[in-house]
C-alpha atoms as a PDB file:
ATOM      1  CA  UNK A   1     102.847  93.900  91.834  1.00  0.00           C
ATOM      2  CA  UNK A   2     100.343  94.604  88.662  1.00  0.00           C
ATOM      3  CA  UNK A   3      97.495  92.337  87.148  1.00  0.00           C
ATOM      4  CA  UNK A   4      97.455  89.487  90.110  1.00  0.00           C
ATOM      5  CA  UNK A   5     100.664  88.174  88.940  1.00  0.00           C
ATOM      6  CA  UNK A   6     103.351  86.942  91.489  1.00  0.00           C
ATOM      7  CA  UNK A   7     105.879  89.284  92.936  1.00  0.00           C
ATOM      8  CA  UNK A   8     109.507  88.358  91.605  1.00  0.00           C
ATOM      9  CA  UNK A   9     110.204  89.306  95.181  1.00  0.00           C
ATOM     10  CA  UNK A  10     108.626  86.807  96.639  1.00  0.00           C
ATOM     11  CA  UNK A  11     110.931  84.073  98.845  1.00  0.00           C
ATOM     12  CA  UNK A  12     110.772  80.967  96.257  1.00  0.00           C
ATOM     13  CA  UNK A  13     110.183  78.748  99.653  1.00  0.00           C
ATOM     14  CA  UNK A  14     106.677  80.840 100.308  1.00  0.00           C
ATOM     15  CA  UNK A  15     105.690  81.338  96.592  1.00  0.00           C
ATOM     16  CA  UNK A  16     105.742  77.313  96.028  1.00  0.00           C
ATOM     17  CA  UNK A  17     104.717  76.082  99.137  1.00  0.00           C
ATOM     18  CA  UNK A  18     102.102  78.530 100.517  1.00  0.00           C
ATOM     19  CA  UNK A  19     100.718  78.461  96.689  1.00  0.00           C
ATOM     20  CA  UNK A  20     100.034  74.974  97.007  1.00  0.00           C
ATOM     21  CA  UNK A  21      99.311  74.601 100.728  1.00  0.00           C
ATOM     22  CA  UNK A  22      96.897  77.686 101.222  1.00  0.00           C
ATOM     23  CA  UNK A  23      93.716  75.586 101.838  1.00  0.00           C
ATOM     24  CA  UNK A  24      96.067  73.832 104.683  1.00  0.00           C
ATOM     25  CA  UNK A  25      97.543  76.698 106.094  1.00  0.00           C
ATOM     26  CA  UNK A  26      93.695  78.148 106.557  1.00  0.00           C
ATOM     27  CA  UNK A  27      93.032  75.162 108.379  1.00  0.00           C
ATOM     28  CA  UNK A  28      95.867  74.121 110.766  1.00  0.00           C
ATOM     29  CA  UNK A  29      97.530  77.996 111.649  1.00  0.00           C
ATOM     30  CA  UNK A  30      96.727  78.980 114.300  1.00  0.00           C
ATOM     31  CA  UNK A  31      94.617  82.117 114.931  1.00  0.00           C
ATOM     32  CA  UNK A  32      96.093  85.032 118.088  1.00  0.00           C
ATOM     33  CA  UNK A  33      94.966  85.411 121.334  1.00  0.00           C
ATOM     34  CA  UNK A  34      92.209  87.830 122.080  1.00  0.00           C
ATOM     35  CA  UNK A  35      94.100  89.682 124.842  1.00  0.00           C
ATOM     36  CA  UNK A  36      96.378  90.831 121.889  1.00  0.00           C
ATOM     37  CA  UNK A  37      93.017  93.127 120.716  1.00  0.00           C
ATOM     38  CA  UNK A  38      94.030  95.065 123.809  1.00  0.00           C
ATOM     39  CA  UNK A  39      97.785  95.717 122.291  1.00  0.00           C
ATOM     40  CA  UNK A  40      95.899  96.379 118.911  1.00  0.00           C
ATOM     41  CA  UNK A  41      94.318  98.948 120.492  1.00  0.00           C
ATOM     42  CA  UNK A  42      96.607 100.671 123.070  1.00  0.00           C
ATOM     43  CA  UNK A  43     100.025 100.344 121.491  1.00  0.00           C
ATOM     44  CA  UNK A  44      99.423 100.767 118.352  1.00  0.00           C
ATOM     45  CA  UNK A  45      96.285 103.044 118.275  1.00  0.00           C
ATOM     46  CA  UNK A  46      93.828 101.192 116.420  1.00  0.00           C
ATOM     47  CA  UNK A  47      90.012 102.581 116.950  1.00  0.00           C
ATOM     48  CA  UNK A  48      87.416 103.974 114.380  1.00  0.00           C
ATOM     49  CA  UNK A  49      88.918 106.478 112.402  1.00  0.00           C
ATOM     50  CA  UNK A  50      92.416 104.816 112.003  1.00  0.00           C
ATOM     51  CA  UNK A  51      93.434 103.542 108.936  1.00  0.00           C
ATOM     52  CA  UNK A  52      95.550 100.358 108.661  1.00  0.00           C
ATOM     53  CA  UNK A  53      97.527  97.867 106.595  1.00  0.00           C
ATOM     54  CA  UNK A  54      97.799  94.163 106.987  1.00  0.00           C
ATOM     55  CA  UNK A  55     101.186  93.389 104.733  1.00  0.00           C
ATOM     56  CA  UNK A  56     101.621  89.805 103.808  1.00  0.00           C
ATOM     57  CA  UNK A  57      97.929  89.247 105.063  1.00  0.00           C
ATOM     58  CA  UNK A  58      98.135  85.463 104.036  1.00  0.00           C
ATOM     59  CA  UNK A  59      94.600  83.618 104.215  1.00  0.00           C
ATOM     60  CA  UNK A  60      93.191  86.722 106.977  1.00  0.00           C
ATOM     61  CA  UNK A  61      93.419  85.261 110.277  1.00  0.00           C
ATOM     62  CA  UNK A  62      95.080  88.339 111.379  1.00  0.00           C
ATOM     63  CA  UNK A  63      92.714  90.557 109.416  1.00  0.00           C
ATOM     64  CA  UNK A  64      89.751  89.522 111.264  1.00  0.00           C
ATOM     65  CA  UNK A  65      91.138  90.544 114.552  1.00  0.00           C
ATOM     66  CA  UNK A  66      92.201  93.754 113.347  1.00  0.00           C
ATOM     67  CA  UNK A  67      88.825  94.240 111.938  1.00  0.00           C
ATOM     68  CA  UNK A  68      87.631  93.767 115.514  1.00  0.00           C
ATOM     69  CA  UNK A  69      89.436  97.323 116.390  1.00  0.00           C
ATOM     70  CA  UNK A  70      86.840  99.181 114.311  1.00  0.00           C
ATOM     71  CA  UNK A  71      89.838 100.340 112.126  1.00  0.00           C
ATOM     72  CA  UNK A  72      89.483 100.911 108.166  1.00  0.00           C
ATOM     73  CA  UNK A  73      91.504  97.946 107.204  1.00  0.00           C
ATOM     74  CA  UNK A  74      93.316  97.345 103.398  1.00  0.00           C
ATOM     75  CA  UNK A  75      95.419  93.881 103.102  1.00  0.00           C
ATOM     76  CA  UNK A  76      98.088  93.490 100.883  1.00  0.00           C
ATOM     77  CA  UNK A  77      99.013  89.459  99.944  1.00  0.00           C
ATOM     78  CA  UNK A  78     101.242  88.755  96.922  1.00  0.00           C
ATOM     79  CA  UNK A  79     100.479  85.185  96.830  1.00  0.00           C
ATOM     80  CA  UNK A  80      97.280  84.249  94.687  1.00  0.00           C
ATOM     81  CA  UNK A  81      96.245  81.290  96.424  1.00  0.00           C
ATOM     82  CA  UNK A  82      96.497  82.778 100.032  1.00  0.00           C
ATOM     83  CA  UNK A  83      94.578  86.068  98.780  1.00  0.00           C
ATOM     84  CA  UNK A  84      91.870  83.442  97.180  1.00  0.00           C
ATOM     85  CA  UNK A  85      91.597  82.016 100.550  1.00  0.00           C
ATOM     86  CA  UNK A  86      91.604  85.488 102.259  1.00  0.00           C
ATOM     87  CA  UNK A  87      88.452  87.231 100.105  1.00  0.00           C
ATOM     88  CA  UNK A  88      86.930  83.876 100.615  1.00  0.00           C
ATOM     89  CA  UNK A  89      86.953  84.059 104.585  1.00  0.00           C
ATOM     90  CA  UNK A  90      86.574  87.739 104.628  1.00  0.00           C
ATOM     91  CA  UNK A  91      85.217  88.831 101.343  1.00  0.00           C
ATOM     92  CA  UNK A  92      84.070  92.782 102.679  1.00  0.00           C
ATOM     93  CA  UNK A  93      87.706  93.528 102.564  1.00  0.00           C
ATOM     94  CA  UNK A  94      89.942  95.125 100.347  1.00  0.00           C
ATOM     95  CA  UNK A  95      92.558  92.753  98.984  1.00  0.00           C
ATOM     96  CA  UNK A  96      95.921  94.282  97.139  1.00  0.00           C
ATOM     97  CA  UNK A  97      97.954  92.299  94.655  1.00  0.00           C
ATOM     98  CA  UNK A  98     101.079  93.705  95.738  1.00  0.00           C
ATOM     99  CA  UNK A  99     104.242  93.028  97.524  1.00  0.00           C
ATOM    100  CA  UNK A 100     106.293  94.645 100.557  1.00  0.00           C
ATOM    101  CA  UNK A 101     108.114  96.321  98.292  1.00  0.00           C
ATOM    102  CA  UNK A 102     106.247  98.111  95.868  1.00  0.00           C
ATOM    103  CA  UNK A 103     102.593  98.897  97.628  1.00  0.00           C
ATOM    104  CA  UNK A 104      99.606 100.678  95.452  1.00  0.00           C
ATOM    105  CA  UNK A 105      99.203 103.243  98.418  1.00  0.00           C
ATOM    106  CA  UNK A 106     100.021 106.986  98.708  1.00  0.00           C
ATOM    107  CA  UNK A 107     102.261 108.495 100.784  1.00  0.00           C
ATOM    108  CA  UNK A 108     101.968 108.932 104.564  1.00  0.00           C
ATOM    109  CA  UNK A 109      98.153 107.173 104.237  1.00  0.00           C
ATOM    110  CA  UNK A 110      98.284 105.049 106.663  1.00  0.00           C
ATOM    111  CA  UNK A 111      98.560 105.075 110.983  1.00  0.00           C
ATOM    112  CA  UNK A 112      99.078 101.815 110.902  1.00  0.00           C
ATOM    113  CA  UNK A 113     100.720  99.020 109.443  1.00  0.00           C
ATOM    114  CA  UNK A 114     100.947  95.534 110.896  1.00  0.00           C
ATOM    115  CA  UNK A 115     102.881  92.226 109.591  1.00  0.00           C
ATOM    116  CA  UNK A 116     101.510  88.747 111.170  1.00  0.00           C
ATOM    117  CA  UNK A 117     103.843  85.995 110.822  1.00  0.00           C
ATOM    118  CA  UNK A 118     105.247  87.498 107.446  1.00  0.00           C
ATOM    119  CA  UNK A 119     107.756  90.435 108.098  1.00  0.00           C
ATOM    120  CA  UNK A 120     110.856  87.867 108.176  1.00  0.00           C
ATOM    121  CA  UNK A 121     109.763  86.854 104.695  1.00  0.00           C
ATOM    122  CA  UNK A 122     110.294  90.935 103.414  1.00  0.00           C
ATOM    123  CA  UNK A 123     112.682  92.321 106.214  1.00  0.00           C
ATOM    124  CA  UNK A 124     115.308  94.325 103.965  1.00  0.00           C
ATOM    125  CA  UNK A 125     115.606  97.832 103.452  1.00  0.00           C
ATOM    126  CA  UNK A 126     113.640  98.275 100.991  1.00  0.00           C
ATOM    127  CA  UNK A 127     110.445  96.937 102.456  1.00  0.00           C
ATOM    128  CA  UNK A 128     111.298  98.588 104.780  1.00  0.00           C
ATOM    129  CA  UNK A 129     111.530 102.179 103.377  1.00  0.00           C
ATOM    130  CA  UNK A 130     108.530 101.462 101.232  1.00  0.00           C
ATOM    131  CA  UNK A 131     106.419 100.840 105.031  1.00  0.00           C
ATOM    132  CA  UNK A 132     107.822 104.012 106.001  1.00  0.00           C
ATOM    133  CA  UNK A 133     106.822 105.530 102.741  1.00  0.00           C
ATOM    134  CA  UNK A 134     103.033 104.779 103.403  1.00  0.00           C
ATOM    135  CA  UNK A 135     103.143 105.817 106.974  1.00  0.00           C
ATOM    136  CA  UNK A 136     102.579 108.886 108.472  1.00  0.00           C
ATOM    137  CA  UNK A 137     105.406 110.234 110.924  1.00  0.00           C
ATOM    138  CA  UNK A 138     104.443 108.970 114.022  1.00  0.00           C
ATOM    139  CA  UNK A 139     102.708 106.164 112.708  1.00  0.00           C
ATOM    140  CA  UNK A 140     103.482 102.401 114.161  1.00  0.00           C
ATOM    141  CA  UNK A 141     104.924  99.263 112.966  1.00  0.00           C
ATOM    142  CA  UNK A 142     103.369  96.101 114.793  1.00  0.00           C
ATOM    143  CA  UNK A 143     105.129  92.760 114.056  1.00  0.00           C
ATOM    144  CA  UNK A 144     103.517  89.980 115.019  1.00  0.00           C
ATOM    145  CA  UNK A 145     104.855  86.343 115.672  1.00  0.00           C
ATOM    146  CA  UNK A 146     103.236  83.046 116.925  1.00  0.00           C
ATOM    147  CA  UNK A 147     106.053  80.975 117.814  1.00  0.00           C
ATOM    148  CA  UNK A 148     106.122  77.532 119.060  1.00  0.00           C
ATOM    149  CA  UNK A 149     106.839  77.276 122.633  1.00  0.00           C
ATOM    150  CA  UNK A 150     109.702  74.969 122.571  1.00  0.00           C
ATOM    151  CA  UNK A 151     110.287  73.787 126.138  1.00  0.00           C
ATOM    152  CA  UNK A 152     107.477  71.549 125.800  1.00  0.00           C
ATOM    153  CA  UNK A 153     109.162  68.537 125.311  1.00  0.00           C
ATOM    154  CA  UNK A 154     106.971  67.476 122.098  1.00  0.00           C
ATOM    155  CA  UNK A 155     106.841  70.705 120.601  1.00  0.00           C
ATOM    156  CA  UNK A 156     110.619  70.509 120.540  1.00  0.00           C
ATOM    157  CA  UNK A 157     110.626  67.271 118.984  1.00  0.00           C
ATOM    158  CA  UNK A 158     108.212  68.802 116.257  1.00  0.00           C
ATOM    159  CA  UNK A 159     111.002  71.373 115.888  1.00  0.00           C
ATOM    160  CA  UNK A 160     113.724  68.652 115.361  1.00  0.00           C
ATOM    161  CA  UNK A 161     111.218  66.962 112.911  1.00  0.00           C
ATOM    162  CA  UNK A 162     111.370  69.838 110.526  1.00  0.00           C
ATOM    163  CA  UNK A 163     114.168  71.953 110.936  1.00  0.00           C
ATOM    164  CA  UNK A 164     117.015  69.663 108.346  1.00  0.00           C
ATOM    165  CA  UNK A 165     114.298  70.767 105.833  1.00  0.00           C
ATOM    166  CA  UNK A 166     114.533  74.763 106.092  1.00  0.00           C
ATOM    167  CA  UNK A 167     117.135  75.685 103.787  1.00  0.00           C
ATOM    168  CA  UNK A 168     117.624  79.433 103.362  1.00  0.00           C
ATOM    169  CA  UNK A 169     114.210  79.650 104.332  1.00  0.00           C
ATOM    170  CA  UNK A 170     114.143  83.349 106.501  1.00  0.00           C
ATOM    171  CA  UNK A 171     112.285  82.751 109.760  1.00  0.00           C
ATOM    172  CA  UNK A 172     111.676  84.562 112.923  1.00  0.00           C
ATOM    173  CA  UNK A 173     114.343  82.252 114.896  1.00  0.00           C
ATOM    174  CA  UNK A 174     117.166  83.646 113.068  1.00  0.00           C
ATOM    175  CA  UNK A 175     116.330  87.207 114.240  1.00  0.00           C
ATOM    176  CA  UNK A 176     117.567  88.525 110.921  1.00  0.00           C
ATOM    177  CA  UNK A 177     115.013  90.923 110.710  1.00  0.00           C
ATOM    178  CA  UNK A 178     115.500  92.610 114.071  1.00  0.00           C
ATOM    179  CA  UNK A 179     118.989  93.486 112.778  1.00  0.00           C
ATOM    180  CA  UNK A 180     117.253  96.131 110.684  1.00  0.00           C
ATOM    181  CA  UNK A 181     116.374  97.993 113.731  1.00  0.00           C
ATOM    182  CA  UNK A 182     116.650 100.568 114.801  1.00  0.00           C
ATOM    183  CA  UNK A 183     117.171 103.146 112.249  1.00  0.00           C
ATOM    184  CA  UNK A 184     116.550 106.251 110.817  1.00  0.00           C
ATOM    185  CA  UNK A 185     112.554 105.756 110.235  1.00  0.00           C
ATOM    186  CA  UNK A 186     112.042 103.306 112.797  1.00  0.00           C
ATOM    187  CA  UNK A 187     112.452 103.291 116.493  1.00  0.00           C
ATOM    188  CA  UNK A 188     113.724  99.728 118.232  1.00  0.00           C
ATOM    189  CA  UNK A 189     110.739  97.288 118.558  1.00  0.00           C
ATOM    190  CA  UNK A 190     109.185  96.888 121.750  1.00  0.00           C
ATOM    191  CA  UNK A 191     107.829  93.624 122.735  1.00  0.00           C
ATOM    192  CA  UNK A 192     104.556  92.172 124.364  1.00  0.00           C
ATOM    193  CA  UNK A 193     104.539  88.343 124.896  1.00  0.00           C
ATOM    194  CA  UNK A 194     101.240  86.599 125.436  1.00  0.00           C
ATOM    195  CA  UNK A 195     100.975  82.722 126.003  1.00  0.00           C
ATOM    196  CA  UNK A 196      98.670  80.854 124.129  1.00  0.00           C
ATOM    197  CA  UNK A 197      97.267  77.443 123.143  1.00  0.00           C
ATOM    198  CA  UNK A 198      95.705  76.588 120.019  1.00  0.00           C
ATOM    199  CA  UNK A 199      92.934  73.654 120.706  1.00  0.00           C
ATOM    200  CA  UNK A 200      91.908  71.248 118.488  1.00  0.00           C
ATOM    201  CA  UNK A 201      92.804  67.549 117.188  1.00  0.00           C
ATOM    202  CA  UNK A 202      96.178  66.529 116.870  1.00  0.00           C
ATOM    203  CA  UNK A 203      95.774  66.232 113.147  1.00  0.00           C
ATOM    204  CA  UNK A 204      94.917  69.979 112.972  1.00  0.00           C
ATOM    205  CA  UNK A 205      97.157  71.701 115.121  1.00  0.00           C
ATOM    206  CA  UNK A 206     100.162  69.254 114.758  1.00  0.00           C
ATOM    207  CA  UNK A 207      99.994  67.585 111.560  1.00  0.00           C
ATOM    208  CA  UNK A 208      98.295  70.132 109.292  1.00  0.00           C
ATOM    209  CA  UNK A 209     100.091  73.018 111.251  1.00  0.00           C
ATOM    210  CA  UNK A 210     103.392  71.719 110.094  1.00  0.00           C
ATOM    211  CA  UNK A 211     102.281  70.591 106.819  1.00  0.00           C
ATOM    212  CA  UNK A 212     101.525  74.373 106.194  1.00  0.00           C
ATOM    213  CA  UNK A 213     104.969  75.590 106.734  1.00  0.00           C
ATOM    214  CA  UNK A 214     106.539  76.675 103.593  1.00  0.00           C
ATOM    215  CA  UNK A 215     109.320  74.455 103.264  1.00  0.00           C
ATOM    216  CA  UNK A 216     108.109  71.854 104.401  1.00  0.00           C
ATOM    217  CA  UNK A 217     104.621  72.081 101.456  1.00  0.00           C
ATOM    218  CA  UNK A 218     107.086  73.200  98.785  1.00  0.00           C
ATOM    219  CA  UNK A 219     108.857  69.382  99.281  1.00  0.00           C
ATOM    220  CA  UNK A 220     108.569  66.747  96.779  1.00  0.00           C
ATOM    221  CA  UNK A 221     105.272  64.289  97.769  1.00  0.00           C
ATOM    222  CA  UNK A 222     107.983  61.574  98.767  1.00  0.00           C
ATOM    223  CA  UNK A 223     109.245  63.563 101.551  1.00  0.00           C
ATOM    224  CA  UNK A 224     106.113  65.368 102.978  1.00  0.00           C
ATOM    225  CA  UNK A 225     104.944  62.408 103.424  1.00  0.00           C
ATOM    226  CA  UNK A 226     107.856  61.175 105.418  1.00  0.00           C
ATOM    227  CA  UNK A 227     107.639  64.458 107.530  1.00  0.00           C
ATOM    228  CA  UNK A 228     103.771  63.471 107.922  1.00  0.00           C
ATOM    229  CA  UNK A 229     104.438  59.766 109.308  1.00  0.00           C
ATOM    230  CA  UNK A 230     107.354  61.047 111.630  1.00  0.00           C
ATOM    231  CA  UNK A 231     104.598  63.522 113.056  1.00  0.00           C
ATOM    232  CA  UNK A 232     102.027  60.801 113.350  1.00  0.00           C
ATOM    233  CA  UNK A 233     104.731  58.817 114.652  1.00  0.00           C
ATOM    234  CA  UNK A 234     105.357  61.281 117.585  1.00  0.00           C
ATOM    235  CA  UNK A 235     101.566  61.712 118.084  1.00  0.00           C
ATOM    236  CA  UNK A 236     101.091  58.043 118.739  1.00  0.00           C
ATOM    237  CA  UNK A 237     103.935  57.911 120.988  1.00  0.00           C
ATOM    238  CA  UNK A 238     102.755  60.453 123.741  1.00  0.00           C
ATOM    239  CA  UNK A 239     100.106  59.604 126.155  1.00  0.00           C
ATOM    240  CA  UNK A 240      99.005  63.218 126.177  1.00  0.00           C
ATOM    241  CA  UNK A 241      98.396  63.437 122.233  1.00  0.00           C
ATOM    242  CA  UNK A 242      97.509  59.840 121.312  1.00  0.00           C
ATOM    243  CA  UNK A 243      93.627  59.112 121.070  1.00  0.00           C
ATOM    244  CA  UNK A 244      92.243  62.658 122.237  1.00  0.00           C
ATOM    245  CA  UNK A 245      89.409  64.555 120.853  1.00  0.00           C
ATOM    246  CA  UNK A 246      91.691  67.556 121.540  1.00  0.00           C
ATOM    247  CA  UNK A 247      94.669  69.105 122.441  1.00  0.00           C
ATOM    248  CA  UNK A 248      96.263  72.294 123.069  1.00  0.00           C
ATOM    249  CA  UNK A 249      99.226  73.601 121.283  1.00  0.00           C
ATOM    250  CA  UNK A 250     101.002  75.940 123.095  1.00  0.00           C
ATOM    251  CA  UNK A 251     102.631  79.156 121.566  1.00  0.00           C
ATOM    252  CA  UNK A 252     103.928  82.383 122.891  1.00  0.00           C
ATOM    253  CA  UNK A 253     102.584  85.281 120.735  1.00  0.00           C
ATOM    254  CA  UNK A 254     105.251  87.697 120.616  1.00  0.00           C
ATOM    255  CA  UNK A 255     104.000  91.548 119.393  1.00  0.00           C
ATOM    256  CA  UNK A 256     106.321  94.202 118.579  1.00  0.00           C
ATOM    257  CA  UNK A 257     105.946  97.822 117.982  1.00  0.00           C
ATOM    258  CA  UNK A 258     108.154 100.493 116.534  1.00  0.00           C
ATOM    259  CA  UNK A 259     107.385 104.080 115.573  1.00  0.00           C
ATOM    260  CA  UNK A 260     107.951 105.883 112.364  1.00  0.00           C
ATOM    261  CA  UNK A 261     110.105 108.630 113.351  1.00  0.00           C
ATOM    262  CA  UNK A 262     108.532 112.266 112.386  1.00  0.00           C
END
């Protein structure tokens, strides 16, 4: 993608939803568990002297954790509004306007590529081939998702509210992204799971978080308002949620490591 224009390879739900809700995304989305830092260092091998890419970096929530490894980090984010939030949050980082299918980076120039909350959007042979191009032989591909813990009943109720609106939107839960592995470029991803709670007000961790979902943010105003009303009704109906200054939203952070074949 050139000259800051939005890439035509970006799914319409991501382009519309994240463009209109970048600030809500930045405010409502959870960060990542600090325990993941050891995974970045030990499993992905991130350390000073390594060069890594945060692909689909969004507003920079995962970029902050990557920077703690001491590695040289570059970010790629195709949606202008999200990239603007990233640069506001982390002004010193290099953030490129590009897509996963076409990155302005040299062949075999990276030790690690990480996609946090993003790979399902562009999971395709073309994108994986481009990731393989920029990675060194033996380099690591890290895929990370914060996944709602639906064993908690009120979290499952949130899923029931939003699922009717998802349409053809790519999602982690479909498992379609995993069908690409293993292949001639990449090994079967090895999974690490970390439990995590996002602490904050119900407005932040339930309403803002849910309203930042791409296909919800892209809804017409009336339908979006109905989703917000349903979420607020859920909060009001649950003693563990209503009238509390802070609640913990439970997640399972699922992290995968695949190696670039040599």
